[in-house]
Amino acid sequence: MTGRVAARWRRAVAGVRWYVREISGDADYERHCRRHAREHPGAPAPTRREYELWRTRRREEGPLARCC
């Protein structure tokens, strides 16, 4: 019985961790780094700061960035 309870707690903590990483953007950066390594083998991955600047610039320049 205690094994089942512990497994449920681990699952719950993993779910909360996943949610927080999705909200904070940590998961986006890691996905970007994996894609970058796949599409540009041998090229250095961007730093977190470079990625955030690129993402912000892309968001602001996009046609759907603003309502007006």
N, C-alpha and C. Protein backbone atom coordinates (compact mmCIF):
# COMPACT_ATOMS: atom_id res chain seq x y z
N MET A 1 0.82 -1.20 0.00
CA MET A 1 0.00 0.00 0.00
C MET A 1 0.86 1.26 0.00
N THR A 2 1.93 1.28 0.79
CA THR A 2 2.77 2.48 0.84
C THR A 2 3.48 2.70 -0.48
N GLY A 3 3.77 1.62 -1.20
CA GLY A 3 4.39 1.76 -2.52
C GLY A 3 3.47 2.46 -3.49
N ARG A 4 2.19 2.16 -3.41
CA ARG A 4 1.21 2.81 -4.28
C ARG A 4 1.07 4.29 -3.96
N VAL A 5 1.06 4.60 -2.68
CA VAL A 5 0.96 6.01 -2.26
C VAL A 5 2.19 6.78 -2.72
N ALA A 6 3.36 6.19 -2.54
CA ALA A 6 4.60 6.84 -2.98
C ALA A 6 4.59 7.05 -4.49
N ALA A 7 4.10 6.07 -5.23
CA ALA A 7 4.05 6.20 -6.69
C ALA A 7 3.10 7.33 -7.09
N ARG A 8 1.98 7.44 -6.40
CA ARG A 8 1.04 8.53 -6.70
C ARG A 8 1.66 9.88 -6.41
N TRP A 9 2.40 9.98 -5.30
CA TRP A 9 3.07 11.24 -4.96
C TRP A 9 4.11 11.59 -6.00
N ARG A 10 4.88 10.60 -6.44
CA ARG A 10 5.89 10.86 -7.47
C ARG A 10 5.24 11.34 -8.75
N ARG A 11 4.13 10.72 -9.12
CA ARG A 11 3.40 11.13 -10.33
C ARG A 11 2.87 12.55 -10.19
N ALA A 12 2.34 12.86 -9.02
CA ALA A 12 1.81 14.21 -8.78
C ALA A 12 2.92 15.25 -8.84
N VAL A 13 4.04 14.95 -8.21
CA VAL A 13 5.17 15.90 -8.22
C VAL A 13 5.69 16.06 -9.65
N ALA A 14 5.77 14.97 -10.40
CA ALA A 14 6.23 15.05 -11.78
C ALA A 14 5.27 15.91 -12.62
N GLY A 15 3.98 15.79 -12.36
CA GLY A 15 3.00 16.60 -13.09
C GLY A 15 3.14 18.07 -12.77
N VAL A 16 3.34 18.39 -11.50
CA VAL A 16 3.52 19.79 -11.10
C VAL A 16 4.81 20.33 -11.71
N ARG A 17 5.86 19.53 -11.67
CA ARG A 17 7.14 19.96 -12.25
C ARG A 17 6.99 20.24 -13.74
N TRP A 18 6.30 19.35 -14.47
CA TRP A 18 6.07 19.55 -15.90
C TRP A 18 5.32 20.85 -16.14
N TYR A 19 4.27 21.09 -15.36
CA TYR A 19 3.46 22.28 -15.53
C TYR A 19 4.28 23.54 -15.30
N VAL A 20 5.06 23.57 -14.25
CA VAL A 20 5.88 24.75 -13.93
C VAL A 20 6.91 24.99 -15.03
N ARG A 21 7.51 23.93 -15.55
CA ARG A 21 8.50 24.09 -16.62
C ARG A 21 7.85 24.60 -17.90
N GLU A 22 6.64 24.17 -18.20
CA GLU A 22 5.94 24.67 -19.38
C GLU A 22 5.60 26.16 -19.22
N ILE A 23 5.14 26.55 -18.06
CA ILE A 23 4.77 27.93 -17.80
C ILE A 23 5.99 28.83 -17.82
N SER A 24 7.08 28.38 -17.21
CA SER A 24 8.28 29.22 -17.09
C SER A 24 9.07 29.33 -18.39
N GLY A 25 8.88 28.43 -19.31
CA GLY A 25 9.61 28.48 -20.58
C GLY A 25 10.85 27.60 -20.60
N ASP A 26 11.17 26.94 -19.50
CA ASP A 26 12.35 26.06 -19.48
C ASP A 26 12.22 24.96 -20.51
N ALA A 27 11.06 24.41 -20.67
CA ALA A 27 10.86 23.33 -21.63
C ALA A 27 11.03 23.84 -23.06
N ASP A 28 10.60 25.07 -23.34
CA ASP A 28 10.77 25.64 -24.68
C ASP A 28 12.24 25.73 -25.07
N TYR A 29 13.04 26.21 -24.14
CA TYR A 29 14.48 26.35 -24.42
C TYR A 29 15.11 24.99 -24.69
N GLU A 30 14.77 24.00 -23.89
CA GLU A 30 15.34 22.68 -24.09
C GLU A 30 14.89 22.06 -25.42
N ARG A 31 13.62 22.26 -25.79
CA ARG A 31 13.15 21.78 -27.09
C ARG A 31 13.89 22.48 -28.22
N HIS A 32 14.11 23.78 -28.06
CA HIS A 32 14.84 24.55 -29.08
C HIS A 32 16.27 24.02 -29.22
N CYS A 33 16.93 23.75 -28.11
CA CYS A 33 18.30 23.25 -28.15
C CYS A 33 18.36 21.88 -28.83
N ARG A 34 17.41 21.02 -28.56
CA ARG A 34 17.38 19.71 -29.21
C ARG A 34 17.17 19.85 -30.71
N ARG A 35 16.25 20.71 -31.10
CA ARG A 35 15.99 20.94 -32.53
C ARG A 35 17.21 21.55 -33.20
N HIS A 36 17.85 22.50 -32.52
CA HIS A 36 19.05 23.15 -33.06
C HIS A 36 20.16 22.12 -33.29
N ALA A 37 20.37 21.23 -32.34
CA ALA A 37 21.40 20.21 -32.47
C ALA A 37 21.08 19.25 -33.62
N ARG A 38 19.81 18.97 -33.81
CA ARG A 38 19.39 18.07 -34.89
C ARG A 38 19.56 18.73 -36.26
N GLU A 39 19.19 20.00 -36.38
CA GLU A 39 19.21 20.68 -37.67
C GLU A 39 20.55 21.33 -37.99
N HIS A 40 21.36 21.62 -36.98
CA HIS A 40 22.65 22.27 -37.18
C HIS A 40 23.73 21.51 -36.41
N PRO A 41 24.02 20.28 -36.80
CA PRO A 41 25.00 19.50 -36.04
C PRO A 41 26.37 20.18 -36.07
N GLY A 42 27.02 20.20 -34.93
CA GLY A 42 28.34 20.80 -34.83
C GLY A 42 28.32 22.28 -34.49
N ALA A 43 27.19 22.94 -34.69
CA ALA A 43 27.10 24.37 -34.36
C ALA A 43 26.75 24.52 -32.89
N PRO A 44 27.35 25.50 -32.23
CA PRO A 44 27.04 25.67 -30.81
C PRO A 44 25.59 26.11 -30.61
N ALA A 45 24.99 25.58 -29.59
CA ALA A 45 23.61 25.95 -29.26
C ALA A 45 23.59 27.37 -28.69
N PRO A 46 22.52 28.10 -28.91
CA PRO A 46 22.45 29.45 -28.35
C PRO A 46 22.36 29.38 -26.82
N THR A 47 22.87 30.41 -26.18
CA THR A 47 22.74 30.49 -24.73
C THR A 47 21.29 30.77 -24.41
N ARG A 48 20.95 30.62 -23.16
CA ARG A 48 19.58 30.89 -22.73
C ARG A 48 19.22 32.35 -23.03
N ARG A 49 20.15 33.26 -22.77
CA ARG A 49 19.91 34.68 -23.03
C ARG A 49 19.69 34.95 -24.52
N GLU A 50 20.53 34.36 -25.37
CA GLU A 50 20.37 34.53 -26.81
C GLU A 50 19.01 34.01 -27.27
N TYR A 51 18.63 32.86 -26.73
CA TYR A 51 17.33 32.29 -27.09
C TYR A 51 16.19 33.20 -26.67
N GLU A 52 16.25 33.72 -25.45
CA GLU A 52 15.18 34.60 -24.97
C GLU A 52 15.10 35.88 -25.80
N LEU A 53 16.24 36.45 -26.18
CA LEU A 53 16.23 37.65 -27.04
C LEU A 53 15.63 37.33 -28.40
N TRP A 54 16.02 36.20 -28.97
CA TRP A 54 15.48 35.79 -30.26
C TRP A 54 13.98 35.58 -30.19
N ARG A 55 13.52 34.91 -29.13
CA ARG A 55 12.10 34.63 -28.97
C ARG A 55 11.29 35.90 -28.78
N THR A 56 11.82 36.84 -27.99
CA THR A 56 11.13 38.10 -27.77
C THR A 56 11.05 38.90 -29.06
N ARG A 57 12.17 38.98 -29.79
CA ARG A 57 12.19 39.72 -31.06
C ARG A 57 11.20 39.10 -32.04
N ARG A 58 11.18 37.79 -32.12
CA ARG A 58 10.28 37.09 -33.04
C ARG A 58 8.82 37.35 -32.67
N ARG A 59 8.53 37.33 -31.38
CA ARG A 59 7.16 37.57 -30.92
C ARG A 59 6.71 38.99 -31.24
N GLU A 60 7.60 39.97 -31.04
CA GLU A 60 7.24 41.36 -31.27
C GLU A 60 7.10 41.71 -32.75
N GLU A 61 7.88 41.04 -33.58
CA GLU A 61 7.84 41.34 -35.02
C GLU A 61 6.75 40.57 -35.75
N GLY A 62 6.19 39.56 -35.13
CA GLY A 62 5.19 38.73 -35.78
C GLY A 62 3.88 39.48 -36.02
N PRO A 63 3.17 39.09 -37.06
CA PRO A 63 1.91 39.77 -37.37
C PRO A 63 0.82 39.57 -36.31
N LEU A 64 0.91 38.52 -35.53
CA LEU A 64 -0.09 38.26 -34.51
C LEU A 64 0.38 38.71 -33.13
N ALA A 65 1.42 39.51 -33.09
CA ALA A 65 2.00 39.92 -31.81
C ALA A 65 1.11 40.90 -31.07
N ARG A 66 0.37 41.70 -31.81
CA ARG A 66 -0.45 42.73 -31.15
C ARG A 66 -1.89 42.64 -31.64
N CYS A 67 -2.74 43.19 -30.87
CA CYS A 67 -4.15 43.20 -31.29
C CYS A 67 -4.45 44.37 -32.22
N CYS A 68 -3.63 45.41 -32.20
CA CYS A 68 -3.91 46.62 -32.99
C CYS A 68 -2.77 46.95 -33.93
